[in-house]
Amino acid sequence: MKKYCLALDLVDDPELIAEYEKYHQNVWPEIKQSILDSDITNMEIYRVQNRLMMIIEADENFSFEAKNEADKSNPKVQEWEELMWKFQQQLPNSKAEEKWQLMDKIFSL
């Protein structure tokens, strides 16, 4: 089992943050299926203020490259991503069109 942590910021607007959370209380079934189809076994998103942290648990077959390729050819995922971009903003120093950034693990007990 692999575990990844990623970070992203939301637009710092309480109304937009509330709307973003509402969407995530009822994620579209096609989005959930695309996540499961990519060998992700569990995904959680946490928020503090406008900062998000996503934790992904995936089996050994998972790769970000394969997930990105599958997402590009899935119209429903593209629709979801376009909708979510209304609420999201890049972390400082992100590359163009880069959303979630992979975090480095710096401690483990």
Protein backbone atom coordinates (compact mmCIF):
# COMPACT_ATOMS: atom_id res chain seq x y z
CA MET A 1 0.00 0.00 0.00
CA LYS A 2 1.26 3.45 -0.93
CA LYS A 3 0.24 6.70 0.79
CA TYR A 4 0.47 10.19 -0.70
CA CYS A 5 -0.33 13.60 0.77
CA LEU A 6 -1.09 16.56 -1.46
CA ALA A 7 -1.87 20.21 -0.79
CA LEU A 8 -3.92 22.88 -2.53
CA ASP A 9 -5.48 26.21 -1.57
CA LEU A 10 -9.05 27.35 -1.98
CA VAL A 11 -10.03 30.87 -2.92
CA ASP A 12 -10.20 32.60 0.46
CA ASP A 13 -13.92 33.35 0.37
CA PRO A 14 -16.22 31.78 3.01
CA GLU A 15 -19.15 31.42 0.59
CA LEU A 16 -17.03 29.67 -2.05
CA ILE A 17 -15.45 27.42 0.59
CA ALA A 18 -18.90 26.42 1.85
CA GLU A 19 -20.03 25.66 -1.71
CA TYR A 20 -16.87 23.61 -2.35
CA GLU A 21 -17.54 21.56 0.78
CA LYS A 22 -21.15 21.02 -0.30
CA TYR A 23 -19.96 19.52 -3.60
CA HIS A 24 -17.68 17.18 -1.66
CA GLN A 25 -20.54 15.97 0.52
CA ASN A 26 -22.14 14.57 -2.63
CA VAL A 27 -19.34 13.84 -5.11
CA TRP A 28 -20.61 12.73 -8.50
CA PRO A 29 -20.66 8.92 -8.87
CA GLU A 30 -18.55 9.12 -12.05
CA ILE A 31 -15.82 10.92 -10.10
CA LYS A 32 -15.83 8.32 -7.34
CA GLN A 33 -15.64 5.56 -9.96
CA SER A 34 -12.71 7.23 -11.76
CA ILE A 35 -10.84 7.34 -8.45
CA LEU A 36 -11.49 3.68 -7.73
CA ASP A 37 -10.62 2.69 -11.30
CA SER A 38 -7.16 4.23 -10.87
CA ASP A 39 -6.21 1.80 -8.05
CA ILE A 40 -6.84 4.33 -5.30
CA THR A 41 -8.35 2.49 -2.34
CA ASN A 42 -9.04 5.46 -0.06
CA MET A 43 -9.01 9.24 -0.40
CA GLU A 44 -9.63 11.89 2.25
CA ILE A 45 -9.53 15.68 2.07
CA TYR A 46 -9.00 17.89 5.12
CA ARG A 47 -9.26 21.67 5.37
CA VAL A 48 -7.90 24.36 7.65
CA GLN A 49 -8.90 27.88 6.67
CA ASN A 50 -8.42 27.85 2.87
CA ARG A 51 -5.66 25.18 2.79
CA LEU A 52 -6.58 21.64 1.73
CA MET A 53 -4.69 18.41 2.33
CA MET A 54 -5.58 15.25 0.43
CA ILE A 55 -4.48 11.82 1.62
CA ILE A 56 -4.47 9.07 -0.98
CA GLU A 57 -4.00 5.39 -0.20
CA ALA A 58 -3.39 3.30 -3.28
CA ASP A 59 -2.27 -0.16 -4.24
CA GLU A 60 1.05 -0.87 -5.92
CA ASN A 61 -0.41 -0.45 -9.44
CA PHE A 62 -1.32 3.22 -8.91
CA SER A 63 0.52 5.96 -10.77
CA PHE A 64 -0.20 9.67 -11.07
CA GLU A 65 0.72 9.51 -14.76
CA ALA A 66 -1.87 6.81 -15.52
CA LYS A 67 -4.51 8.64 -13.46
CA ASN A 68 -3.83 11.90 -15.32
CA GLU A 69 -4.08 10.17 -18.70
CA ALA A 70 -7.35 8.47 -17.78
CA ASP A 71 -8.76 11.76 -16.46
CA LYS A 72 -7.91 13.59 -19.70
CA SER A 73 -10.09 11.17 -21.68
CA ASN A 74 -13.00 11.21 -19.22
CA PRO A 75 -15.47 14.03 -20.04
CA LYS A 76 -17.18 13.85 -16.63
CA VAL A 77 -13.85 14.19 -14.79
CA GLN A 78 -12.96 17.15 -17.03
CA GLU A 79 -16.33 18.76 -16.24
CA TRP A 80 -15.75 18.23 -12.48
CA GLU A 81 -12.21 19.63 -12.65
CA GLU A 82 -13.38 22.71 -14.53
CA LEU A 83 -16.12 23.27 -11.95
CA MET A 84 -13.71 22.80 -9.01
CA TRP A 85 -11.22 25.28 -10.47
CA LYS A 86 -13.75 28.02 -9.62
CA PHE A 87 -13.01 27.33 -5.94
CA GLN A 88 -9.34 26.39 -6.08
CA GLN A 89 -6.15 28.38 -6.41
CA GLN A 90 -2.61 27.24 -6.91
CA LEU A 91 -0.08 27.15 -4.14
CA PRO A 92 2.70 29.73 -4.50
CA ASN A 93 5.42 28.66 -6.94
CA SER A 94 3.18 26.11 -8.71
CA LYS A 95 3.76 25.31 -12.35
CA ALA A 96 1.17 26.45 -14.90
CA GLU A 97 -2.11 24.54 -14.51
CA GLU A 98 -0.70 22.57 -11.57
CA LYS A 99 -3.30 22.10 -8.89
CA TRP A 100 -2.60 19.62 -6.12
CA GLN A 101 1.05 19.46 -5.10
CA LEU A 102 2.62 16.33 -3.70
CA MET A 103 3.90 16.90 -0.16
CA ASP A 104 7.22 15.53 1.11
CA LYS A 105 7.07 13.27 4.12
CA ILE A 106 9.36 14.73 6.78
CA PHE A 107 8.47 12.64 9.84
CA SER A 108 7.11 9.22 10.70
CA LEU A 109 6.67 7.62 14.12
